[in-house]
């Protein structure tokens, strides 16, 4: 069982990383084409609408994640009848709530047009696009139920592969429709296609891999619905907090400064999002089903070791990726979409702090989700939510886009401080040893930061600046390895090199 679980984790990680990198690179490549086929303002409107869709997707009330967690439990006991009732119990909530959210959005359409100061020239496209997104918000949470079951069965490699393929196809649909002059509604049609085709493929695959899964008779039980709501309600609060940190900023910027500023904000923070949210969220998201299983089997020592390892890796990567982001971001945006979309070095710097905080929060938060003891984190998230919105509305008037990111950073400090305190207590981790481990990571990262920063600020401008930055990134990578694995190996006095390398793996990797 353990080897099978490990194999699925590895396959899921490879599929998620490979697919994710492919999609991120593809997005970077097609964005200039999107801008050419639309405009900076029009593309900013689409980015803002994408944020509105994220709010509409709150209609799942955390039920999708709760279904994954509960399905792991019932599948461990081979209780397929209970699984069927859980599926219909989730639909019993998802469809009515989705309908209410979508209907509310429909009724507020004209208000949104005024709120975002949409001009008459694009008002028709804005409304049509928004209404298609409302339809997606209605059906998407319910259609994800099949994917939730596949995730519970730890077929993550398959779901990630399908996600990659359907996203690539939807991007092609976007480009074709944009070329036909359909405007930003093209993006909505591409998204609708992806949602529908993904559901069909996942349903066929689920029936193929597990003949025991049945969908008749239709019905659920009060007990199963209650178990979903109990976990889903608290998780929904966590989802709202995550939404605040990734999408509410777009809405505030569009409303207070204009849609074109959303494009500047998103493009300046593109690499930051790629590093902090995409790369550093892969391992925890892949581990969620397996860690949930470990909690069910009472393997607390394994969970504790996993947490300590993830904490060190997250801290190390947060510092390293923040440094890399700072030194290459301006040149990256210049080559990618042009300097008109660059928000400046100050905005880049505050994003560095955000990368550090977000990497440490996301790096280990999946362990709390897996434990089901999420009430405290949910309450902290409520405070984060309120603080972020209030500060954003105030600071955006003073500092512009910079103030919005600053508000996010200040609010995320709460989660950054709470999560290690919670997990140390929950898992019985020795506080002094934990702090010592974190200080060790900080100490070994500091020389790399100082050396690379010194070289960066003393670089002379040449035509081959890209080559200089590539060399600097390689230097940072080598220094990072030297100060961690290199120093560790040199300190090992006993054993051959094979045993020393094994000790490095045990010390620095999961």
Protein backbone atom coordinates (compact mmCIF):
# COMPACT_ATOMS: atom_id res chain seq x y z
CA UNK A 1 0.00 0.00 0.00
CA UNK A 2 2.82 2.40 0.96
CA UNK A 3 4.80 1.80 -2.24
CA UNK A 4 1.65 2.22 -4.32
CA UNK A 5 0.85 5.50 -2.55
CA UNK A 6 4.41 6.74 -3.06
CA UNK A 7 4.30 5.83 -6.75
CA UNK A 8 1.07 7.77 -7.23
CA UNK A 9 2.50 10.78 -5.40
CA UNK A 10 5.56 10.76 -7.65
CA UNK A 11 3.48 10.33 -10.81
CA UNK A 12 1.12 13.07 -9.68
CA UNK A 13 4.02 15.40 -8.95
CA UNK A 14 5.62 14.79 -12.35
CA UNK A 15 2.30 15.29 -14.17
CA UNK A 16 1.47 18.43 -12.19
CA UNK A 17 4.93 19.96 -12.57
CA UNK A 18 5.29 19.04 -16.24
CA UNK A 19 1.79 20.12 -17.16
CA UNK A 20 1.98 23.26 -15.07
CA UNK A 21 5.30 24.37 -16.53
CA UNK A 22 3.96 23.70 -20.03
CA UNK A 23 0.86 25.80 -19.40
CA UNK A 24 2.77 28.62 -17.74
CA UNK A 25 5.20 28.81 -20.63
CA UNK A 26 2.36 28.65 -23.13
CA UNK A 27 0.52 31.43 -21.29
CA UNK A 28 3.63 33.60 -21.39
CA UNK A 29 4.01 32.95 -25.12
CA UNK A 30 0.39 33.65 -26.07
CA UNK A 31 -0.13 36.72 -23.86
CA UNK A 32 1.52 39.13 -26.35
CA UNK A 33 -0.79 37.65 -29.00
CA UNK A 34 -3.78 38.20 -26.72
CA UNK A 35 -2.74 41.84 -26.29
CA UNK A 36 -2.35 42.23 -30.05
CA UNK A 37 -5.83 40.79 -30.68
CA UNK A 38 -7.42 42.89 -27.90
CA UNK A 39 -5.73 45.82 -26.10
CA UNK A 40 -4.16 46.52 -22.72
CA UNK A 41 -7.46 47.88 -21.39
CA UNK A 42 -9.64 45.15 -22.90
CA UNK A 43 -7.33 42.40 -21.66
CA UNK A 44 -7.40 44.06 -18.23
CA UNK A 45 -11.20 43.83 -18.34
CA UNK A 46 -10.94 40.09 -19.00
CA UNK A 47 -8.48 39.65 -16.11
CA UNK A 48 -10.92 41.49 -13.87
CA UNK A 49 -13.82 39.30 -15.03
CA UNK A 50 -11.68 36.27 -14.28
CA UNK A 51 -11.42 37.53 -10.71
CA UNK A 52 -15.20 37.95 -10.57
CA UNK A 53 -15.57 34.32 -11.69
CA UNK A 54 -13.33 33.29 -8.79
CA UNK A 55 -15.81 34.94 -6.44
CA UNK A 56 -18.71 33.19 -8.17
CA UNK A 57 -16.91 29.88 -7.65
CA UNK A 58 -17.30 30.40 -3.92
CA UNK A 59 -20.65 28.76 -4.60
CA UNK A 60 -19.02 25.38 -3.99
CA UNK A 61 -19.06 26.27 -0.26
CA UNK A 62 -15.95 24.14 0.26
CA UNK A 63 -17.96 21.03 -0.57
CA UNK A 64 -15.58 19.89 -3.33
CA UNK A 65 -12.63 19.71 -0.94
CA UNK A 66 -14.80 18.14 1.76
CA UNK A 67 -15.87 15.48 -0.76
CA UNK A 68 -12.24 14.59 -1.45
CA UNK A 69 -11.50 14.27 2.27
CA UNK A 70 -14.61 12.19 3.06
CA UNK A 71 -14.19 10.01 -0.04
CA UNK A 72 -10.72 9.01 1.13
CA UNK A 73 -12.27 7.75 4.37
CA UNK A 74 -15.08 5.73 2.76
CA UNK A 75 -12.85 4.29 0.04
CA UNK A 76 -10.48 3.03 2.74
CA UNK A 77 -13.46 1.08 4.10
CA UNK A 78 -14.64 -0.02 0.62
CA UNK A 79 -18.03 1.65 1.31
CA UNK A 80 -19.23 2.45 -2.21
CA UNK A 81 -22.83 2.97 -1.19
CA UNK A 82 -21.71 5.71 1.20
CA UNK A 83 -19.60 7.19 -1.59
CA UNK A 84 -22.70 7.38 -3.82
CA UNK A 85 -24.62 9.19 -1.08
CA UNK A 86 -21.71 11.60 -0.60
CA UNK A 87 -21.72 12.44 -4.30
CA UNK A 88 -25.42 13.25 -4.33
CA UNK A 89 -25.11 15.03 -0.99
CA UNK A 90 -22.54 17.35 -2.51
CA UNK A 91 -24.74 17.98 -5.57
CA UNK A 92 -27.67 18.74 -3.28
CA UNK A 93 -25.68 21.74 -2.03
CA UNK A 94 -23.69 22.72 -5.11
CA UNK A 95 -26.53 23.17 -7.61
CA UNK A 96 -28.89 25.34 -5.49
CA UNK A 97 -26.06 27.50 -4.13
CA UNK A 98 -24.59 27.85 -7.62
CA UNK A 99 -27.98 28.94 -8.90
CA UNK A 100 -28.31 31.60 -6.19
CA UNK A 101 -24.81 32.98 -6.86
CA UNK A 102 -25.30 33.02 -10.63
CA UNK A 103 -28.75 34.62 -10.39
CA UNK A 104 -27.38 37.26 -8.03
CA UNK A 105 -24.60 38.00 -10.50
CA UNK A 106 -27.09 38.29 -13.34
CA UNK A 107 -29.20 40.79 -11.40
CA UNK A 108 -26.09 42.82 -10.54
CA UNK A 109 -24.84 43.03 -14.14
CA UNK A 110 -25.67 46.71 -14.67
CA UNK A 111 -24.17 47.60 -11.32
CA UNK A 112 -20.88 45.93 -12.31
CA UNK A 113 -20.82 47.86 -15.58
CA UNK A 114 -20.97 51.09 -13.57
CA UNK A 115 -18.61 49.82 -10.85
CA UNK A 116 -15.84 49.04 -13.35
CA UNK A 117 -16.56 52.13 -15.49
CA UNK A 118 -17.10 50.05 -18.63
CA UNK A 119 -17.33 52.22 -21.73
CA UNK A 120 -20.23 51.94 -24.14
CA UNK A 121 -17.94 50.57 -26.88
CA UNK A 122 -17.25 47.36 -24.97
CA UNK A 123 -20.31 47.20 -22.71
CA UNK A 124 -22.09 44.61 -24.87
CA UNK A 125 -19.05 42.30 -24.93
CA UNK A 126 -18.55 42.77 -21.19
CA UNK A 127 -22.13 41.74 -20.39
CA UNK A 128 -22.12 38.75 -22.72
CA UNK A 129 -18.80 37.53 -21.34
CA UNK A 130 -19.99 37.99 -17.77
CA UNK A 131 -23.18 36.01 -18.39
CA UNK A 132 -21.24 33.08 -19.85
CA UNK A 133 -19.00 33.17 -16.77
CA UNK A 134 -22.13 33.02 -14.60
CA UNK A 135 -23.14 29.83 -16.42
CA UNK A 136 -19.69 28.40 -15.78
CA UNK A 137 -19.99 29.38 -12.12
CA UNK A 138 -23.28 27.51 -11.95
CA UNK A 139 -22.18 24.19 -13.48
CA UNK A 140 -18.44 24.03 -12.78
CA UNK A 141 -18.53 23.07 -9.05
CA UNK A 142 -21.00 20.24 -9.76
CA UNK A 143 -19.01 18.94 -12.72
CA UNK A 144 -15.86 18.86 -10.57
CA UNK A 145 -17.38 16.12 -8.40
CA UNK A 146 -15.99 13.41 -10.68
CA UNK A 147 -12.52 14.91 -10.49
CA UNK A 148 -12.84 15.00 -6.69
CA UNK A 149 -13.41 11.24 -6.61
CA UNK A 150 -10.41 10.66 -8.88
CA UNK A 151 -8.31 12.82 -6.56
CA UNK A 152 -9.49 10.82 -3.55
CA UNK A 153 -8.43 7.66 -5.38
CA UNK A 154 -5.07 9.40 -5.93
CA UNK A 155 -5.25 9.35 -9.73
CA UNK A 156 -3.79 12.83 -9.69
CA UNK A 157 -1.44 12.19 -12.60
CA UNK A 158 -4.42 11.53 -14.87
CA UNK A 159 -6.45 14.55 -13.74
CA UNK A 160 -3.45 16.85 -14.13
CA UNK A 161 -2.68 15.49 -17.58
CA UNK A 162 -6.27 16.02 -18.70
CA UNK A 163 -6.21 19.52 -17.20
CA UNK A 164 -3.10 20.31 -19.24
CA UNK A 165 -4.52 18.96 -22.51
CA UNK A 166 -7.93 20.63 -22.19
CA UNK A 167 -6.34 23.94 -21.22
CA UNK A 168 -4.13 23.86 -24.30
CA UNK A 169 -7.20 23.17 -26.45
CA UNK A 170 -9.12 26.02 -24.79
CA UNK A 171 -6.22 28.39 -25.50
CA UNK A 172 -6.43 27.37 -29.15
CA UNK A 173 -10.18 28.08 -29.05
CA UNK A 174 -9.44 31.51 -27.56
CA UNK A 175 -7.02 32.40 -30.34
CA UNK A 176 -9.32 31.18 -33.12
CA UNK A 177 -12.31 33.13 -31.79
CA UNK A 178 -10.23 36.25 -31.12
CA UNK A 179 -8.92 36.07 -34.69
CA UNK A 180 -12.55 35.97 -35.86
CA UNK A 181 -13.12 39.29 -34.08
CA UNK A 182 -15.30 37.99 -31.24
CA UNK A 183 -13.47 40.01 -28.56
CA UNK A 184 -13.14 39.03 -24.89
CA UNK A 185 -16.15 36.73 -25.07
CA UNK A 186 -13.71 34.34 -26.79
CA UNK A 187 -12.04 33.67 -23.44
CA UNK A 188 -15.37 32.76 -21.84
CA UNK A 189 -16.26 30.31 -24.62
CA UNK A 190 -12.83 28.71 -24.31
CA UNK A 191 -13.32 28.28 -20.57
CA UNK A 192 -16.82 26.82 -21.02
CA UNK A 193 -15.46 24.28 -23.51
CA UNK A 194 -12.71 23.24 -21.08
CA UNK A 195 -15.16 22.69 -18.20
CA UNK A 196 -17.49 20.53 -20.29
CA UNK A 197 -14.88 18.36 -22.03
CA UNK A 198 -12.96 17.76 -18.80
CA UNK A 199 -16.09 16.43 -17.09
CA UNK A 200 -16.84 14.01 -19.94
CA UNK A 201 -13.30 12.60 -20.02
CA UNK A 202 -13.08 12.22 -16.23
CA UNK A 203 -16.45 10.46 -16.05
CA UNK A 204 -15.43 7.92 -18.72
CA UNK A 205 -12.10 7.31 -16.98
CA UNK A 206 -13.66 6.89 -13.52
CA UNK A 207 -16.10 4.26 -14.78
CA UNK A 208 -13.22 2.47 -16.47
CA UNK A 209 -10.88 2.24 -13.46
CA UNK A 210 -13.52 1.37 -10.84
CA UNK A 211 -16.52 -0.69 -11.84
CA UNK A 212 -17.78 -0.65 -8.24
CA UNK A 213 -18.73 3.03 -8.42
CA UNK A 214 -22.45 3.38 -9.04
CA UNK A 215 -24.71 6.41 -9.43
CA UNK A 216 -28.07 4.75 -8.82
CA UNK A 217 -30.33 4.96 -6.99
CA UNK A 218 -30.29 8.74 -6.76
CA UNK A 219 -30.35 9.84 -3.14
CA UNK A 220 -28.31 10.82 -0.12
CA UNK A 221 -28.51 10.75 3.67
CA UNK A 222 -28.62 13.47 6.30
CA UNK A 223 -25.53 12.02 7.95
CA UNK A 224 -23.43 12.28 4.79
CA UNK A 225 -24.60 15.79 3.97
CA UNK A 226 -23.82 16.91 7.52
CA UNK A 227 -20.29 15.46 7.33
CA UNK A 228 -19.62 17.39 4.11
CA UNK A 229 -20.98 20.67 5.45
CA UNK A 230 -19.09 20.35 8.73
CA UNK A 231 -15.74 20.30 6.94
CA UNK A 232 -16.79 22.29 3.89
CA UNK A 233 -18.05 25.28 5.86
CA UNK A 234 -14.73 25.96 7.54
CA UNK A 235 -12.81 25.24 4.37
CA UNK A 236 -14.96 27.77 2.53
CA UNK A 237 -13.67 30.47 4.83
CA UNK A 238 -10.14 29.41 3.98
CA UNK A 239 -11.01 29.51 0.31
CA UNK A 240 -12.30 33.07 0.64
CA UNK A 241 -9.02 34.12 2.27
CA UNK A 242 -7.04 32.54 -0.54
CA UNK A 243 -9.29 34.30 -3.02
CA UNK A 244 -8.59 37.62 -1.35
CA UNK A 245 -4.84 37.11 -1.81
CA UNK A 246 -5.06 36.15 -5.49
CA UNK A 247 -8.03 37.82 -7.14
CA UNK A 248 -9.72 40.52 -5.06
CA UNK A 249 -6.78 42.83 -5.79
CA UNK A 250 -7.77 42.85 -9.47
CA UNK A 251 -11.28 43.99 -8.63
CA UNK A 252 -10.14 46.78 -6.31
CA UNK A 253 -7.54 48.04 -8.79
CA UNK A 254 -10.04 48.00 -11.68
CA UNK A 255 -12.63 49.87 -9.64
CA UNK A 256 -10.30 52.44 -8.08
CA UNK A 257 -7.64 52.96 -10.77
CA UNK A 258 -9.00 51.49 -14.02
CA UNK A 259 -8.76 48.22 -15.96
CA UNK A 260 -5.43 49.11 -17.60
CA UNK A 261 -3.75 49.13 -14.16
CA UNK A 262 -4.90 45.54 -13.65
CA UNK A 263 -2.76 44.54 -16.61
CA UNK A 264 0.27 46.30 -15.10
CA UNK A 265 -0.35 44.63 -11.73
CA UNK A 266 -0.84 41.14 -13.20
CA UNK A 267 2.14 41.34 -15.56
CA UNK A 268 4.52 42.72 -12.90
CA UNK A 269 3.44 39.96 -10.53
CA UNK A 270 3.29 37.19 -13.13
CA UNK A 271 6.58 35.57 -12.15
CA UNK A 272 5.81 36.11 -8.46
CA UNK A 273 2.55 34.21 -8.88
CA UNK A 274 4.33 31.53 -10.90
CA UNK A 275 6.93 31.04 -8.16
CA UNK A 276 4.85 31.41 -4.98
CA UNK A 277 1.51 29.95 -6.02
CA UNK A 278 2.24 27.55 -8.86
CA UNK A 279 5.64 26.02 -8.05
CA UNK A 280 5.39 26.02 -4.27
CA UNK A 281 1.81 24.74 -4.21
CA UNK A 282 2.49 21.61 -6.24
CA UNK A 283 3.92 19.42 -3.49
CA UNK A 284 1.24 20.24 -0.86
CA UNK A 285 -1.61 19.79 -3.36
CA UNK A 286 -0.23 16.43 -4.48
CA UNK A 287 0.30 15.34 -0.87
CA UNK A 288 -3.20 16.29 0.34
CA UNK A 289 -4.89 12.89 -0.34
CA UNK A 290 -1.89 10.94 0.98
CA UNK A 291 -1.48 13.05 4.12
CA UNK A 292 -5.22 12.70 4.75
CA UNK A 293 -4.72 8.96 4.52
CA UNK A 294 -1.79 9.12 6.97
CA UNK A 295 -4.00 10.95 9.47
CA UNK A 296 -6.66 8.29 9.04
CA UNK A 297 -4.07 5.54 9.70
CA UNK A 298 -2.67 7.44 12.74
CA UNK A 299 0.86 7.63 11.28
CA UNK A 300 1.66 10.80 13.23
CA UNK A 301 5.44 10.38 13.12
CA UNK A 302 5.42 10.35 9.31
CA UNK A 303 3.24 13.45 9.24
CA UNK A 304 5.57 15.19 11.69
CA UNK A 305 8.66 14.40 9.61
CA UNK A 306 6.87 15.52 6.47
CA UNK A 307 5.90 18.83 8.08
CA UNK A 308 9.43 19.63 9.26
CA UNK A 309 10.84 18.78 5.83
CA UNK A 310 8.25 20.88 4.02
CA UNK A 311 8.87 23.83 6.35
CA UNK A 312 12.58 23.90 5.56
CA UNK A 313 12.09 23.42 1.83
CA UNK A 314 9.41 26.14 1.69
CA UNK A 315 11.59 28.63 3.59
CA UNK A 316 14.60 27.90 1.41
CA UNK A 317 12.69 28.11 -1.86
CA UNK A 318 10.85 31.25 -0.76
CA UNK A 319 14.14 33.09 -0.25
CA UNK A 320 15.76 31.71 -3.39
CA UNK A 321 12.82 32.33 -5.72
CA UNK A 322 12.22 35.79 -4.27
CA UNK A 323 15.83 36.70 -5.07
CA UNK A 324 15.61 35.30 -8.62
CA UNK A 325 12.33 37.12 -9.22
CA UNK A 326 13.79 40.46 -8.14
CA UNK A 327 16.87 40.32 -10.37
CA UNK A 328 15.12 39.14 -13.57
CA UNK A 329 11.61 40.61 -13.37
CA UNK A 330 12.22 43.93 -15.11
CA UNK A 331 14.08 42.37 -18.02
CA UNK A 332 11.52 39.56 -18.26
CA UNK A 333 8.61 42.00 -18.62
CA UNK A 334 10.61 44.15 -21.07
CA UNK A 335 11.12 41.15 -23.35
CA UNK A 336 7.65 39.73 -22.77
CA UNK A 337 5.12 42.56 -23.12
CA UNK A 338 7.15 45.78 -23.02
CA UNK A 339 8.03 48.29 -20.31
CA UNK A 340 4.59 49.94 -20.47
CA UNK A 341 3.33 46.99 -18.45
CA UNK A 342 6.07 47.13 -15.78
CA UNK A 343 5.00 48.51 -12.40
CA UNK A 344 8.48 49.54 -11.21
CA UNK A 345 11.17 48.22 -8.84
CA UNK A 346 9.16 49.14 -5.72
CA UNK A 347 6.25 46.96 -6.83
CA UNK A 348 8.69 44.17 -7.65
CA UNK A 349 10.24 44.45 -4.18
CA UNK A 350 6.93 44.17 -2.34
CA UNK A 351 6.14 41.11 -4.46
CA UNK A 352 9.42 39.59 -3.18
CA UNK A 353 8.08 39.83 0.37
CA UNK A 354 4.79 38.32 -0.83
CA UNK A 355 6.67 35.37 -2.40
CA UNK A 356 8.43 34.70 0.90
CA UNK A 357 5.22 34.77 2.95
CA UNK A 358 3.09 32.89 0.44
CA UNK A 359 5.65 30.13 -0.10
CA UNK A 360 5.82 29.37 3.62
CA UNK A 361 2.04 29.50 4.03
CA UNK A 362 1.22 27.35 1.02
CA UNK A 363 4.15 25.02 1.61
CA UNK A 364 2.67 23.43 4.74
CA UNK A 365 -1.00 24.46 4.88
CA UNK A 366 -2.11 21.22 3.19
CA UNK A 367 -1.18 19.40 6.41
CA UNK A 368 -3.74 21.43 8.34
CA UNK A 369 -6.37 20.79 5.64
CA UNK A 370 -5.65 17.06 5.78
CA UNK A 371 -6.06 16.95 9.56
CA UNK A 372 -9.62 18.39 9.35
CA UNK A 373 -8.70 20.62 12.33
CA UNK A 374 -9.11 23.82 10.36
CA UNK A 375 -11.34 25.92 12.58
CA UNK A 376 -8.51 28.05 13.97
CA UNK A 377 -7.02 28.70 10.55
CA UNK A 378 -10.48 29.62 9.25
CA UNK A 379 -10.91 32.21 12.02
CA UNK A 380 -7.49 33.69 11.26
CA UNK A 381 -8.55 33.83 7.62
CA UNK A 382 -11.63 35.88 8.50
CA UNK A 383 -9.40 38.48 10.14
CA UNK A 384 -7.08 38.40 7.11
CA UNK A 385 -10.03 38.93 4.81
CA UNK A 386 -11.30 42.00 6.64
CA UNK A 387 -7.83 43.47 7.14
CA UNK A 388 -6.86 43.00 3.49
CA UNK A 389 -9.98 44.66 2.07
CA UNK A 390 -9.89 47.60 4.49
CA UNK A 391 -6.18 48.24 3.99
CA UNK A 392 -6.42 47.82 0.20
CA UNK A 393 -9.20 50.39 -0.10
CA UNK A 394 -7.20 52.81 2.02
CA UNK A 395 -3.67 52.24 0.70
CA UNK A 396 -4.63 52.17 -2.99
CA UNK A 397 -5.56 55.85 -2.69
CA UNK A 398 -2.12 56.68 -1.30
CA UNK A 399 0.27 54.32 -3.08
CA UNK A 400 -1.73 53.07 -6.06
CA UNK A 401 -1.08 49.48 -7.14
CA UNK A 402 1.79 49.20 -4.64
CA UNK A 403 -0.65 49.86 -1.79
CA UNK A 404 -2.87 46.94 -2.80
CA UNK A 405 0.02 44.47 -2.69
CA UNK A 406 1.25 46.01 0.57
CA UNK A 407 -2.19 45.38 2.09
CA UNK A 408 -2.03 41.75 0.99
CA UNK A 409 1.43 41.32 2.52
CA UNK A 410 0.37 42.83 5.87
CA UNK A 411 -2.74 40.65 6.09
CA UNK A 412 -0.87 37.45 5.13
CA UNK A 413 1.50 37.95 8.07
CA UNK A 414 -1.24 36.55 10.30
CA UNK A 415 -1.31 33.20 8.52
CA UNK A 416 2.49 33.17 8.30
CA UNK A 417 2.73 33.37 12.09
CA UNK A 418 -0.26 31.18 12.97
CA UNK A 419 0.37 28.09 10.81
CA UNK A 420 3.71 26.97 12.35
CA UNK A 421 2.37 27.61 15.86
CA UNK A 422 -0.69 25.48 15.10
CA UNK A 423 1.20 22.62 13.45
CA UNK A 424 3.94 22.53 16.10
CA UNK A 425 1.28 22.09 18.77
CA UNK A 426 -0.85 19.66 16.75
CA UNK A 427 2.05 17.38 15.82
CA UNK A 428 4.05 17.69 19.03
CA UNK A 429 7.08 19.33 17.39
CA UNK A 430 9.77 20.63 19.73
CA UNK A 431 9.59 24.42 19.37
CA UNK A 432 13.28 25.11 19.99
CA UNK A 433 14.38 22.50 17.45
CA UNK A 434 11.91 23.85 14.91
CA UNK A 435 13.18 27.42 15.36
CA UNK A 436 16.75 26.17 15.17
CA UNK A 437 15.99 24.48 11.86
CA UNK A 438 14.41 27.63 10.42
CA UNK A 439 17.33 29.80 11.61
CA UNK A 440 19.70 27.33 9.97
CA UNK A 441 17.91 27.84 6.63
CA UNK A 442 17.99 31.62 7.05
CA UNK A 443 21.68 31.56 7.98
CA UNK A 444 22.69 29.46 4.99
CA UNK A 445 20.59 31.55 2.60
CA UNK A 446 21.96 34.91 3.73
CA UNK A 447 25.43 34.62 2.10
CA UNK A 448 23.82 33.72 -1.24
CA UNK A 449 21.50 36.75 -1.06
CA UNK A 450 24.31 39.15 -0.14
CA UNK A 451 26.68 37.91 -2.84
CA UNK A 452 24.10 37.85 -5.64
CA UNK A 453 22.62 41.22 -4.63
CA UNK A 454 26.10 42.79 -4.57
CA UNK A 455 26.87 41.49 -8.07
CA UNK A 456 23.46 42.59 -9.38
CA UNK A 457 23.76 46.18 -8.15
CA UNK A 458 27.30 46.50 -9.51
CA UNK A 459 26.56 45.08 -12.94
CA UNK A 460 27.30 47.38 -15.84
CA UNK A 461 24.62 47.73 -18.48
CA UNK A 462 25.50 46.02 -21.74
CA UNK A 463 23.65 44.75 -24.77
CA UNK A 464 24.07 41.23 -23.42
CA UNK A 465 22.12 41.94 -20.21
CA UNK A 466 20.11 38.72 -20.67
CA UNK A 467 23.32 36.67 -20.63
CA UNK A 468 24.46 38.48 -17.51
CA UNK A 469 21.19 37.72 -15.74
CA UNK A 470 21.29 34.05 -16.77
CA UNK A 471 24.82 33.84 -15.38
CA UNK A 472 23.65 35.50 -12.17
CA UNK A 473 20.77 33.05 -11.80
CA UNK A 474 23.18 30.14 -12.27
CA UNK A 475 25.51 31.71 -9.70
CA UNK A 476 22.66 31.97 -7.20
CA UNK A 477 21.73 28.34 -7.82
CA UNK A 478 25.29 27.12 -7.34
CA UNK A 479 25.76 29.20 -4.19
CA UNK A 480 22.50 27.87 -2.79
CA UNK A 481 23.66 24.29 -3.30
CA UNK A 482 27.13 25.02 -1.89
CA UNK A 483 25.88 26.65 1.33
CA UNK A 484 23.34 23.87 1.97
CA UNK A 485 24.31 20.48 0.51
CA UNK A 486 27.97 21.40 -0.03
CA UNK A 487 28.68 22.50 3.53
CA UNK A 488 26.73 19.52 4.90
CA UNK A 489 28.81 17.06 2.85
CA UNK A 490 32.08 18.60 3.98
CA UNK A 491 31.04 18.25 7.62
CA UNK A 492 30.48 14.50 7.24
CA UNK A 493 33.58 12.73 8.52
CA UNK A 494 32.45 9.11 8.38
CA UNK A 495 31.22 6.86 5.59
CA UNK A 496 31.73 6.81 1.83
CA UNK A 497 30.26 9.37 -0.58
CA UNK A 498 27.20 7.23 -1.24
CA UNK A 499 26.26 7.22 2.45
CA UNK A 500 27.00 10.94 2.72
CA UNK A 501 24.69 11.73 -0.21
CA UNK A 502 21.99 9.62 1.44
CA UNK A 503 22.37 11.76 4.56
CA UNK A 504 21.97 14.89 2.43
CA UNK A 505 18.72 13.49 1.04
CA UNK A 506 17.44 12.68 4.51
CA UNK A 507 18.41 16.11 5.83
CA UNK A 508 17.23 18.42 3.06
CA UNK A 509 14.61 16.53 1.09
CA UNK A 510 11.36 14.68 1.86
